[in-house]
Amino acid sequence: MALTPFTQRLLDASRTTFRDAARVSFDLFKVMVPVLITVKILKEFDLVQYLAVPLAPFMTMMGLPAELGLAWATAIALNIYSGLAVYVSLLPDLAPLTVGQATIMATITLFAHNMILELKVAERCGVNLWVQAAIRMAAALCCGVLMHMLFAGWESFQAPATLLFKAPSGNPSLGAWAWSETVNLFWIFVIILTLMGLMRVLQFLRVVAALNAVLAPVLWLMGIGRAAATITVVGVMLGLSYGGGLIIHEAKSGRVGQRDLFASLSLMGMAHALIEDTLLMTLIGANFLGTFWIRLAFAMLATALVVKIYDLVLRRRKAAL
């Protein structure tokens, strides 16, 4: 039975989308798998504790117990859930934390977490890994200090924080860990495939063009061009791990310039998975509005600043040639 022209086009588009999603996922997994193994080694040999030592004085500057540096270091090297597990285990030995302290801890964790993986994704897109690391850490520290001064000055969020998060019990075997990560990688592929299919539909319906037109003025203020609008929205809403495949695909396509990639990834690094991760932090007693709006506003201002610096450095390099 002969296929109608519409059915044939739909079938061809589906095959192309699946092929693109498989290629993009493979590129992403080439980054993720070695990083996952490295992170597992760090965890198994308890090496994260050494990352916490230099963070202690900065925790004090932000009005947090120095001991919580271990929880943040764990989140930086591993992921948010691991960081929260350490956070919960440390609480019995600390004075009760306020909502303000929990909000500060949540915000700096959202700025800087899972950085081994997320920075490799950013590097794969063509931006400097160390520059992105410096931006995220500096933003976390500056925002944390600013929030501490703000909360202390206004005497706000001083009620005791309510803890709802429970750390997972036990340490999974190597086989269970490998199976769990394999399942996660499969679902990441499914998400990438769904995203790419959705993007094709939205492009056909010209929704992407309309979205870009709406967001263009806001992104322009931060130095992000129209070509990077879509991947910026994907990264901000989904995060670098899940949106990474699409971001890498767009970066390699050549449709997005280097400056826009730098600006977009800088914003995404500081503010991504806005809804999911922010809701997660309410489980440690953080204030949602404080964690969401302060983080987003600071990330937008910081992005505008680093793009200005990027442009200044670029102009000076051109002038020196």
C-alpha atoms as a PDB file:
ATOM      1  CA  MET A   1       0.000   0.000   0.000  1.00  0.00           C
ATOM      2  CA  ALA A   2       1.448   3.343  -1.085  1.00  0.00           C
ATOM      3  CA  LEU A   3       1.930   5.973   1.559  1.00  0.00           C
ATOM      4  CA  THR A   4       0.379   9.384   1.167  1.00  0.00           C
ATOM      5  CA  PRO A   5       2.842  12.303   0.737  1.00  0.00           C
ATOM      6  CA  PHE A   6       2.003  13.577   4.232  1.00  0.00           C
ATOM      7  CA  THR A   7       2.575  10.136   5.803  1.00  0.00           C
ATOM      8  CA  GLN A   8       5.852   9.751   3.926  1.00  0.00           C
ATOM      9  CA  ARG A   9       7.073  13.155   5.124  1.00  0.00           C
ATOM     10  CA  LEU A  10       6.057  12.296   8.665  1.00  0.00           C
ATOM     11  CA  LEU A  11       7.896   8.973   8.483  1.00  0.00           C
ATOM     12  CA  ASP A  12      11.024  10.626   7.055  1.00  0.00           C
ATOM     13  CA  ALA A  13      10.923  13.318   9.740  1.00  0.00           C
ATOM     14  CA  SER A  14      10.568  10.665  12.457  1.00  0.00           C
ATOM     15  CA  ARG A  15      13.549   8.707  11.120  1.00  0.00           C
ATOM     16  CA  THR A  16      15.659  11.867  10.909  1.00  0.00           C
ATOM     17  CA  THR A  17      14.680  12.907  14.426  1.00  0.00           C
ATOM     18  CA  PHE A  18      15.524   9.477  15.845  1.00  0.00           C
ATOM     19  CA  ARG A  19      18.861   9.433  14.013  1.00  0.00           C
ATOM     20  CA  ASP A  20      19.711  12.953  15.242  1.00  0.00           C
ATOM     21  CA  ALA A  21      18.681  12.100  18.803  1.00  0.00           C
ATOM     22  CA  ALA A  22      20.850   8.953  18.752  1.00  0.00           C
ATOM     23  CA  ARG A  23      23.854  10.910  17.462  1.00  0.00           C
ATOM     24  CA  VAL A  24      23.366  13.730  19.977  1.00  0.00           C
ATOM     25  CA  SER A  25      22.895  11.266  22.850  1.00  0.00           C
ATOM     26  CA  PHE A  26      26.075   9.442  21.857  1.00  0.00           C
ATOM     27  CA  ASP A  27      27.996  12.727  21.901  1.00  0.00           C
ATOM     28  CA  LEU A  28      26.565  13.538  25.325  1.00  0.00           C
ATOM     29  CA  PHE A  29      27.205  10.062  26.731  1.00  0.00           C
ATOM     30  CA  LYS A  30      30.859  10.275  25.642  1.00  0.00           C
ATOM     31  CA  VAL A  31      31.087  13.131  28.131  1.00  0.00           C
ATOM     32  CA  MET A  32      28.816  11.703  30.815  1.00  0.00           C
ATOM     33  CA  VAL A  33      30.071   8.135  31.194  1.00  0.00           C
ATOM     34  CA  PRO A  34      33.730   8.971  32.076  1.00  0.00           C
ATOM     35  CA  VAL A  35      32.484  11.704  34.423  1.00  0.00           C
ATOM     36  CA  LEU A  36      30.042   9.329  36.153  1.00  0.00           C
ATOM     37  CA  ILE A  37      32.870   6.845  36.723  1.00  0.00           C
ATOM     38  CA  THR A  38      35.152   9.605  38.081  1.00  0.00           C
ATOM     39  CA  VAL A  39      32.442  10.812  40.448  1.00  0.00           C
ATOM     40  CA  LYS A  40      31.852   7.253  41.665  1.00  0.00           C
ATOM     41  CA  ILE A  41      35.561   6.893  42.449  1.00  0.00           C
ATOM     42  CA  LEU A  42      35.555  10.201  44.363  1.00  0.00           C
ATOM     43  CA  LYS A  43      32.600   9.000  46.403  1.00  0.00           C
ATOM     44  CA  GLU A  44      33.895   5.494  47.085  1.00  0.00           C
ATOM     45  CA  PHE A  45      37.295   6.712  48.295  1.00  0.00           C
ATOM     46  CA  ASP A  46      35.766   9.559  50.325  1.00  0.00           C
ATOM     47  CA  LEU A  47      37.851  12.171  48.515  1.00  0.00           C
ATOM     48  CA  VAL A  48      35.167  14.866  48.525  1.00  0.00           C
ATOM     49  CA  GLN A  49      35.999  15.848  52.119  1.00  0.00           C
ATOM     50  CA  TYR A  50      39.223  17.442  50.901  1.00  0.00           C
ATOM     51  CA  LEU A  51      37.246  19.761  48.629  1.00  0.00           C
ATOM     52  CA  ALA A  52      35.386  21.108  51.664  1.00  0.00           C
ATOM     53  CA  VAL A  53      38.463  22.489  53.465  1.00  0.00           C
ATOM     54  CA  PRO A  54      38.878  25.685  51.388  1.00  0.00           C
ATOM     55  CA  LEU A  55      35.116  26.357  51.535  1.00  0.00           C
ATOM     56  CA  ALA A  56      34.946  26.697  55.352  1.00  0.00           C
ATOM     57  CA  PRO A  57      35.835  30.428  55.592  1.00  0.00           C
ATOM     58  CA  PHE A  58      33.408  31.282  52.794  1.00  0.00           C
ATOM     59  CA  MET A  59      30.592  29.446  54.571  1.00  0.00           C
ATOM     60  CA  THR A  60      31.180  31.681  57.620  1.00  0.00           C
ATOM     61  CA  MET A  61      31.065  34.799  55.418  1.00  0.00           C
ATOM     62  CA  MET A  62      27.621  33.695  54.253  1.00  0.00           C
ATOM     63  CA  GLY A  63      26.361  33.209  57.799  1.00  0.00           C
ATOM     64  CA  LEU A  64      26.471  29.410  57.596  1.00  0.00           C
ATOM     65  CA  PRO A  65      28.217  26.879  59.854  1.00  0.00           C
ATOM     66  CA  ALA A  66      31.661  26.021  58.456  1.00  0.00           C
ATOM     67  CA  GLU A  67      30.774  22.321  58.679  1.00  0.00           C
ATOM     68  CA  LEU A  68      28.214  22.732  55.892  1.00  0.00           C
ATOM     69  CA  GLY A  69      31.131  23.238  53.512  1.00  0.00           C
ATOM     70  CA  LEU A  70      31.243  19.437  53.262  1.00  0.00           C
ATOM     71  CA  ALA A  71      27.612  19.322  52.087  1.00  0.00           C
ATOM     72  CA  TRP A  72      28.252  21.989  49.461  1.00  0.00           C
ATOM     73  CA  ALA A  73      31.494  20.359  48.311  1.00  0.00           C
ATOM     74  CA  THR A  74      29.590  17.094  47.878  1.00  0.00           C
ATOM     75  CA  ALA A  75      26.939  18.821  45.758  1.00  0.00           C
ATOM     76  CA  ILE A  76      29.631  20.581  43.696  1.00  0.00           C
ATOM     77  CA  ALA A  77      31.497  17.357  42.939  1.00  0.00           C
ATOM     78  CA  LEU A  78      28.556  14.935  42.802  1.00  0.00           C
ATOM     79  CA  ASN A  79      24.974  16.223  42.629  1.00  0.00           C
ATOM     80  CA  ILE A  80      22.259  17.980  44.606  1.00  0.00           C
ATOM     81  CA  TYR A  81      20.841  14.789  46.138  1.00  0.00           C
ATOM     82  CA  SER A  82      24.237  13.694  47.472  1.00  0.00           C
ATOM     83  CA  GLY A  83      24.806  17.177  48.860  1.00  0.00           C
ATOM     84  CA  LEU A  84      21.434  17.142  50.605  1.00  0.00           C
ATOM     85  CA  ALA A  85      22.158  13.699  52.060  1.00  0.00           C
ATOM     86  CA  VAL A  86      25.358  15.037  53.642  1.00  0.00           C
ATOM     87  CA  TYR A  87      23.495  18.180  54.746  1.00  0.00           C
ATOM     88  CA  VAL A  88      20.892  16.085  56.590  1.00  0.00           C
ATOM     89  CA  SER A  89      23.575  13.958  58.255  1.00  0.00           C
ATOM     90  CA  LEU A  90      25.356  17.069  59.575  1.00  0.00           C
ATOM     91  CA  LEU A  91      22.293  18.806  61.048  1.00  0.00           C
ATOM     92  CA  PRO A  92      22.092  16.880  64.370  1.00  0.00           C
ATOM     93  CA  ASP A  93      25.523  18.239  65.364  1.00  0.00           C
ATOM     94  CA  LEU A  94      24.691  21.857  64.469  1.00  0.00           C
ATOM     95  CA  ALA A  95      22.562  24.570  66.045  1.00  0.00           C
ATOM     96  CA  PRO A  96      19.080  24.723  64.484  1.00  0.00           C
ATOM     97  CA  LEU A  97      19.218  26.563  61.169  1.00  0.00           C
ATOM     98  CA  THR A  98      16.871  29.387  60.249  1.00  0.00           C
ATOM     99  CA  VAL A  99      14.829  29.627  57.056  1.00  0.00           C
ATOM    100  CA  GLY A 100      17.284  32.308  55.929  1.00  0.00           C
ATOM    101  CA  GLN A 101      20.283  30.020  56.404  1.00  0.00           C
ATOM    102  CA  ALA A 102      18.513  27.147  54.643  1.00  0.00           C
ATOM    103  CA  THR A 103      17.617  29.510  51.763  1.00  0.00           C
ATOM    104  CA  ILE A 104      21.240  30.676  51.441  1.00  0.00           C
ATOM    105  CA  MET A 105      22.503  27.073  51.532  1.00  0.00           C
ATOM    106  CA  ALA A 106      19.936  26.082  48.911  1.00  0.00           C
ATOM    107  CA  THR A 107      20.779  29.010  46.636  1.00  0.00           C
ATOM    108  CA  ILE A 108      24.548  28.496  46.609  1.00  0.00           C
ATOM    109  CA  THR A 109      23.978  24.791  45.992  1.00  0.00           C
ATOM    110  CA  LEU A 110      21.749  25.603  43.017  1.00  0.00           C
ATOM    111  CA  PHE A 111      24.408  27.940  41.621  1.00  0.00           C
ATOM    112  CA  ALA A 112      27.192  25.363  41.942  1.00  0.00           C
ATOM    113  CA  HIS A 113      26.392  21.644  41.827  1.00  0.00           C
ATOM    114  CA  ASN A 114      27.219  18.627  39.641  1.00  0.00           C
ATOM    115  CA  MET A 115      29.975  20.776  38.169  1.00  0.00           C
ATOM    116  CA  ILE A 116      32.274  17.991  36.996  1.00  0.00           C
ATOM    117  CA  LEU A 117      29.597  16.830  34.559  1.00  0.00           C
ATOM    118  CA  GLU A 118      27.971  20.147  33.718  1.00  0.00           C
ATOM    119  CA  LEU A 119      31.279  21.901  33.030  1.00  0.00           C
ATOM    120  CA  LYS A 120      32.296  19.108  30.646  1.00  0.00           C
ATOM    121  CA  VAL A 121      29.015  19.632  28.778  1.00  0.00           C
ATOM    122  CA  ALA A 122      29.779  23.359  28.562  1.00  0.00           C
ATOM    123  CA  GLU A 123      33.304  22.608  27.340  1.00  0.00           C
ATOM    124  CA  ARG A 124      31.879  20.285  24.678  1.00  0.00           C
ATOM    125  CA  CYS A 125      29.899  23.284  23.420  1.00  0.00           C
ATOM    126  CA  GLY A 126      33.117  25.208  22.898  1.00  0.00           C
ATOM    127  CA  VAL A 127      33.387  27.461  25.966  1.00  0.00           C
ATOM    128  CA  ASN A 128      36.245  27.492  28.470  1.00  0.00           C
ATOM    129  CA  LEU A 129      35.611  25.066  31.326  1.00  0.00           C
ATOM    130  CA  TRP A 130      37.631  27.006  33.919  1.00  0.00           C
ATOM    131  CA  VAL A 131      36.015  30.324  33.083  1.00  0.00           C
ATOM    132  CA  GLN A 132      32.563  28.774  33.554  1.00  0.00           C
ATOM    133  CA  ALA A 133      33.682  27.219  36.859  1.00  0.00           C
ATOM    134  CA  ALA A 134      34.933  30.605  38.080  1.00  0.00           C
ATOM    135  CA  ILE A 135      31.695  32.334  37.039  1.00  0.00           C
ATOM    136  CA  ARG A 136      29.489  29.834  38.879  1.00  0.00           C
ATOM    137  CA  MET A 137      31.570  29.764  42.062  1.00  0.00           C
ATOM    138  CA  ALA A 138      31.937  33.545  42.170  1.00  0.00           C
ATOM    139  CA  ALA A 139      28.210  34.003  41.579  1.00  0.00           C
ATOM    140  CA  ALA A 140      27.355  31.525  44.351  1.00  0.00           C
ATOM    141  CA  LEU A 141      29.673  33.182  46.877  1.00  0.00           C
ATOM    142  CA  CYS A 142      28.663  36.761  46.018  1.00  0.00           C
ATOM    143  CA  CYS A 143      24.958  35.930  46.046  1.00  0.00           C
ATOM    144  CA  GLY A 144      25.322  34.013  49.332  1.00  0.00           C
ATOM    145  CA  VAL A 145      27.073  36.929  51.056  1.00  0.00           C
ATOM    146  CA  LEU A 146      24.530  39.395  49.654  1.00  0.00           C
ATOM    147  CA  MET A 147      21.609  37.273  50.874  1.00  0.00           C
ATOM    148  CA  HIS A 148      23.175  36.972  54.344  1.00  0.00           C
ATOM    149  CA  MET A 149      23.535  40.771  54.569  1.00  0.00           C
ATOM    150  CA  LEU A 150      19.999  41.260  53.249  1.00  0.00           C
ATOM    151  CA  PHE A 151      18.365  38.780  55.628  1.00  0.00           C
ATOM    152  CA  ALA A 152      20.350  40.052  58.616  1.00  0.00           C
ATOM    153  CA  GLY A 153      19.620  43.703  57.816  1.00  0.00           C
ATOM    154  CA  TRP A 154      15.902  43.141  57.358  1.00  0.00           C
ATOM    155  CA  GLU A 155      15.747  40.519  60.133  1.00  0.00           C
ATOM    156  CA  SER A 156      13.778  38.294  57.759  1.00  0.00           C
ATOM    157  CA  PHE A 157      13.492  34.501  57.446  1.00  0.00           C
ATOM    158  CA  GLN A 158      14.554  34.040  61.073  1.00  0.00           C
ATOM    159  CA  ALA A 159      12.078  31.240  61.874  1.00  0.00           C
ATOM    160  CA  PRO A 160      13.500  27.717  62.301  1.00  0.00           C
ATOM    161  CA  ALA A 161      13.823  25.800  59.027  1.00  0.00           C
ATOM    162  CA  THR A 162      11.575  22.760  58.637  1.00  0.00           C
ATOM    163  CA  LEU A 163      13.379  19.713  57.290  1.00  0.00           C
ATOM    164  CA  LEU A 164      11.334  17.383  55.062  1.00  0.00           C
ATOM    165  CA  PHE A 165      14.157  15.738  53.108  1.00  0.00           C
ATOM    166  CA  LYS A 166      15.182  12.175  54.030  1.00  0.00           C
ATOM    167  CA  ALA A 167      18.534  10.871  52.907  1.00  0.00           C
ATOM    168  CA  PRO A 168      18.479   7.539  51.054  1.00  0.00           C
ATOM    169  CA  SER A 169      19.720   4.693  53.220  1.00  0.00           C
ATOM    170  CA  GLY A 170      22.615   2.408  52.380  1.00  0.00           C
ATOM    171  CA  ASN A 171      25.275   2.436  49.686  1.00  0.00           C
ATOM    172  CA  PRO A 172      24.283   0.569  46.499  1.00  0.00           C
ATOM    173  CA  SER A 173      26.549  -2.172  45.176  1.00  0.00           C
ATOM    174  CA  LEU A 174      28.643  -1.541  42.085  1.00  0.00           C
ATOM    175  CA  GLY A 175      26.234  -3.593  39.981  1.00  0.00           C
ATOM    176  CA  ALA A 176      23.177  -1.746  41.312  1.00  0.00           C
ATOM    177  CA  TRP A 177      24.907   1.602  40.705  1.00  0.00           C
ATOM    178  CA  ALA A 178      25.820   0.610  37.124  1.00  0.00           C
ATOM    179  CA  TRP A 179      22.264  -0.520  36.386  1.00  0.00           C
ATOM    180  CA  SER A 180      20.789   2.656  37.904  1.00  0.00           C
ATOM    181  CA  GLU A 181      23.075   4.868  35.786  1.00  0.00           C
ATOM    182  CA  THR A 182      22.264   2.839  32.651  1.00  0.00           C
ATOM    183  CA  VAL A 183      18.545   3.397  33.251  1.00  0.00           C
ATOM    184  CA  ASN A 184      19.231   7.114  33.776  1.00  0.00           C
ATOM    185  CA  LEU A 185      21.114   7.283  30.469  1.00  0.00           C
ATOM    186  CA  PHE A 186      18.218   5.565  28.699  1.00  0.00           C
ATOM    187  CA  TRP A 187      15.749   8.108  30.052  1.00  0.00           C
ATOM    188  CA  ILE A 188      18.072  10.938  29.067  1.00  0.00           C
ATOM    189  CA  PHE A 189      17.952   9.563  25.489  1.00  0.00           C
ATOM    190  CA  VAL A 190      14.150   9.428  25.671  1.00  0.00           C
ATOM    191  CA  ILE A 191      14.051  13.047  26.871  1.00  0.00           C
ATOM    192  CA  ILE A 192      16.436  14.167  24.109  1.00  0.00           C
ATOM    193  CA  LEU A 193      14.364  12.323  21.488  1.00  0.00           C
ATOM    194  CA  THR A 194      11.171  13.902  22.832  1.00  0.00           C
ATOM    195  CA  LEU A 195      12.759  17.351  22.900  1.00  0.00           C
ATOM    196  CA  MET A 196      14.043  17.100  19.345  1.00  0.00           C
ATOM    197  CA  GLY A 197      10.671  15.859  18.100  1.00  0.00           C
ATOM    198  CA  LEU A 198       8.916  18.655  19.972  1.00  0.00           C
ATOM    199  CA  MET A 199      11.363  21.201  18.551  1.00  0.00           C
ATOM    200  CA  ARG A 200      10.544  20.068  14.991  1.00  0.00           C
ATOM    201  CA  VAL A 201       6.820  20.394  15.654  1.00  0.00           C
ATOM    202  CA  LEU A 202       7.228  23.824  17.262  1.00  0.00           C
ATOM    203  CA  GLN A 203       9.416  24.996  14.393  1.00  0.00           C
ATOM    204  CA  PHE A 204       6.826  23.790  11.866  1.00  0.00           C
ATOM    205  CA  LEU A 205       4.100  25.644  13.770  1.00  0.00           C
ATOM    206  CA  ARG A 206       6.399  28.698  14.041  1.00  0.00           C
ATOM    207  CA  VAL A 207       6.047  28.649  17.821  1.00  0.00           C
ATOM    208  CA  VAL A 208       9.850  28.796  18.162  1.00  0.00           C
ATOM    209  CA  ALA A 209       9.974  31.979  16.080  1.00  0.00           C
ATOM    210  CA  ALA A 210       7.240  33.543  18.219  1.00  0.00           C
ATOM    211  CA  LEU A 211       8.979  32.484  21.440  1.00  0.00           C
ATOM    212  CA  ASN A 212      12.264  33.916  20.235  1.00  0.00           C
ATOM    213  CA  ALA A 213      10.565  37.190  19.368  1.00  0.00           C
ATOM    214  CA  VAL A 214       9.031  37.446  22.857  1.00  0.00           C
ATOM    215  CA  LEU A 215      12.236  36.568  24.688  1.00  0.00           C
ATOM    216  CA  ALA A 216      14.624  38.474  22.443  1.00  0.00           C
ATOM    217  CA  PRO A 217      14.421  41.806  24.334  1.00  0.00           C
ATOM    218  CA  VAL A 218      15.052  40.164  27.729  1.00  0.00           C
ATOM    219  CA  LEU A 219      17.905  38.028  26.426  1.00  0.00           C
ATOM    220  CA  TRP A 220      19.351  40.987  24.515  1.00  0.00           C
ATOM    221  CA  LEU A 221      19.743  42.872  27.811  1.00  0.00           C
ATOM    222  CA  MET A 222      21.978  40.018  28.983  1.00  0.00           C
ATOM    223  CA  GLY A 223      23.956  39.936  25.737  1.00  0.00           C
ATOM    224  CA  ILE A 224      22.292  36.781  24.384  1.00  0.00           C
ATOM    225  CA  GLY A 225      21.388  36.902  20.693  1.00  0.00           C
ATOM    226  CA  ARG A 226      18.170  35.654  19.092  1.00  0.00           C
ATOM    227  CA  ALA A 227      19.871  32.522  17.698  1.00  0.00           C
ATOM    228  CA  ALA A 228      20.565  31.234  21.221  1.00  0.00           C
ATOM    229  CA  ALA A 229      17.102  31.953  22.627  1.00  0.00           C
ATOM    230  CA  THR A 230      15.672  28.445  22.245  1.00  0.00           C
ATOM    231  CA  ILE A 231      18.593  26.526  23.741  1.00  0.00           C
ATOM    232  CA  THR A 232      18.753  29.060  26.572  1.00  0.00           C
ATOM    233  CA  VAL A 233      15.123  28.420  27.468  1.00  0.00           C
ATOM    234  CA  VAL A 234      15.663  24.638  27.276  1.00  0.00           C
ATOM    235  CA  GLY A 235      18.735  24.807  29.512  1.00  0.00           C
ATOM    236  CA  VAL A 236      17.150  27.166  32.034  1.00  0.00           C
ATOM    237  CA  MET A 237      14.019  25.051  32.362  1.00  0.00           C
ATOM    238  CA  LEU A 238      15.456  21.512  32.089  1.00  0.00           C
ATOM    239  CA  GLY A 239      19.078  21.821  33.168  1.00  0.00           C
ATOM    240  CA  LEU A 240      22.412  21.094  31.541  1.00  0.00           C
ATOM    241  CA  SER A 241      22.300  17.332  32.057  1.00  0.00           C
ATOM    242  CA  TYR A 242      18.939  16.775  30.327  1.00  0.00           C
ATOM    243  CA  GLY A 243      19.147  19.699  27.912  1.00  0.00           C
ATOM    244  CA  GLY A 244      22.840  19.107  27.248  1.00  0.00           C
ATOM    245  CA  GLY A 245      22.274  16.951  24.192  1.00  0.00           C
ATOM    246  CA  LEU A 246      20.185  19.590  22.457  1.00  0.00           C
ATOM    247  CA  ILE A 247      22.633  22.316  23.503  1.00  0.00           C
ATOM    248  CA  ILE A 248      25.612  20.381  22.097  1.00  0.00           C
ATOM    249  CA  HIS A 249      23.649  19.724  18.879  1.00  0.00           C
ATOM    250  CA  GLU A 250      22.897  23.431  18.401  1.00  0.00           C
ATOM    251  CA  ALA A 251      26.485  24.410  19.250  1.00  0.00           C
ATOM    252  CA  LYS A 252      27.904  21.989  16.656  1.00  0.00           C
ATOM    253  CA  SER A 253      25.398  23.081  14.012  1.00  0.00           C
ATOM    254  CA  GLY A 254      27.097  26.462  13.669  1.00  0.00           C
ATOM    255  CA  ARG A 255      23.806  28.325  13.973  1.00  0.00           C
ATOM    256  CA  VAL A 256      24.842  29.901  17.288  1.00  0.00           C
ATOM    257  CA  GLY A 257      27.889  32.165  17.462  1.00  0.00           C
ATOM    258  CA  GLN A 258      30.654  31.822  20.064  1.00  0.00           C
ATOM    259  CA  ARG A 259      29.619  34.963  21.942  1.00  0.00           C
ATOM    260  CA  ASP A 260      25.999  33.813  22.200  1.00  0.00           C
ATOM    261  CA  LEU A 261      27.137  30.364  23.351  1.00  0.00           C
ATOM    262  CA  PHE A 262      29.262  31.925  26.085  1.00  0.00           C
ATOM    263  CA  ALA A 263      26.416  34.177  27.240  1.00  0.00           C
ATOM    264  CA  SER A 264      23.802  31.432  27.055  1.00  0.00           C
ATOM    265  CA  LEU A 265      25.883  28.827  28.885  1.00  0.00           C
ATOM    266  CA  SER A 266      26.864  31.368  31.539  1.00  0.00           C
ATOM    267  CA  LEU A 267      23.203  32.044  32.298  1.00  0.00           C
ATOM    268  CA  MET A 268      22.324  28.334  32.132  1.00  0.00           C
ATOM    269  CA  GLY A 269      25.179  27.448  34.469  1.00  0.00           C
ATOM    270  CA  MET A 270      23.914  29.815  37.147  1.00  0.00           C
ATOM    271  CA  ALA A 271      20.186  29.267  36.631  1.00  0.00           C
ATOM    272  CA  HIS A 272      18.959  25.946  35.252  1.00  0.00           C
ATOM    273  CA  ALA A 273      16.234  23.440  36.129  1.00  0.00           C
ATOM    274  CA  LEU A 274      14.526  26.429  37.714  1.00  0.00           C
ATOM    275  CA  ILE A 275      11.304  24.738  38.809  1.00  0.00           C
ATOM    276  CA  GLU A 276      12.404  21.188  39.664  1.00  0.00           C
ATOM    277  CA  ASP A 277      15.559  22.037  41.622  1.00  0.00           C
ATOM    278  CA  THR A 278      13.993  25.003  43.408  1.00  0.00           C
ATOM    279  CA  LEU A 279      11.055  22.887  44.569  1.00  0.00           C
ATOM    280  CA  LEU A 280      13.500  20.249  45.782  1.00  0.00           C
ATOM    281  CA  MET A 281      15.185  22.815  48.020  1.00  0.00           C
ATOM    282  CA  THR A 282      11.934  23.550  49.862  1.00  0.00           C
ATOM    283  CA  LEU A 283      12.419  20.106  51.436  1.00  0.00           C
ATOM    284  CA  ILE A 284      15.260  21.494  53.566  1.00  0.00           C
ATOM    285  CA  GLY A 285      13.170  24.479  54.656  1.00  0.00           C
ATOM    286  CA  ALA A 286      14.360  26.986  52.041  1.00  0.00           C
ATOM    287  CA  ASN A 287      11.978  29.744  51.017  1.00  0.00           C
ATOM    288  CA  PHE A 288      10.864  29.111  47.415  1.00  0.00           C
ATOM    289  CA  LEU A 289      10.462  32.771  46.445  1.00  0.00           C
ATOM    290  CA  GLY A 290      13.840  33.685  47.921  1.00  0.00           C
ATOM    291  CA  THR A 291      15.604  30.792  46.242  1.00  0.00           C
ATOM    292  CA  PHE A 292      13.847  31.242  42.885  1.00  0.00           C
ATOM    293  CA  TRP A 293      13.695  35.015  42.380  1.00  0.00           C
ATOM    294  CA  ILE A 294      16.955  36.004  44.033  1.00  0.00           C
ATOM    295  CA  ARG A 295      18.848  33.314  42.153  1.00  0.00           C
ATOM    296  CA  LEU A 296      17.247  34.191  38.813  1.00  0.00           C
ATOM    297  CA  ALA A 297      17.690  37.958  39.205  1.00  0.00           C
ATOM    298  CA  PHE A 298      21.309  37.589  40.310  1.00  0.00           C
ATOM    299  CA  ALA A 299      22.052  35.162  37.458  1.00  0.00           C
ATOM    300  CA  MET A 300      20.620  37.581  34.897  1.00  0.00           C
ATOM    301  CA  LEU A 301      22.636  40.523  36.264  1.00  0.00           C
ATOM    302  CA  ALA A 302      25.785  38.402  36.510  1.00  0.00           C
ATOM    303  CA  THR A 303      25.342  37.200  32.916  1.00  0.00           C
ATOM    304  CA  ALA A 304      25.037  40.783  31.672  1.00  0.00           C
ATOM    305  CA  LEU A 305      28.236  41.653  33.577  1.00  0.00           C
ATOM    306  CA  VAL A 306      30.339  38.721  32.350  1.00  0.00           C
ATOM    307  CA  VAL A 307      29.223  39.330  28.760  1.00  0.00           C
ATOM    308  CA  LYS A 308      30.382  42.958  29.080  1.00  0.00           C
ATOM    309  CA  ILE A 309      33.739  41.678  30.323  1.00  0.00           C
ATOM    310  CA  TYR A 310      33.835  39.141  27.470  1.00  0.00           C
ATOM    311  CA  ASP A 311      33.251  41.913  24.919  1.00  0.00           C
ATOM    312  CA  LEU A 312      35.917  44.116  26.535  1.00  0.00           C
ATOM    313  CA  VAL A 313      38.518  41.317  26.472  1.00  0.00           C
ATOM    314  CA  LEU A 314      37.627  40.512  22.854  1.00  0.00           C
ATOM    315  CA  ARG A 315      38.010  44.160  21.791  1.00  0.00           C
ATOM    316  CA  ARG A 316      41.381  44.440  23.502  1.00  0.00           C
ATOM    317  CA  ARG A 317      42.605  41.262  21.829  1.00  0.00           C
ATOM    318  CA  LYS A 318      41.536  42.567  18.422  1.00  0.00           C
ATOM    319  CA  ALA A 319      43.211  45.930  19.114  1.00  0.00           C
ATOM    320  CA  ALA A 320      46.451  44.155  20.083  1.00  0.00           C
ATOM    321  CA  LEU A 321      46.596  42.261  16.775  1.00  0.00           C
END
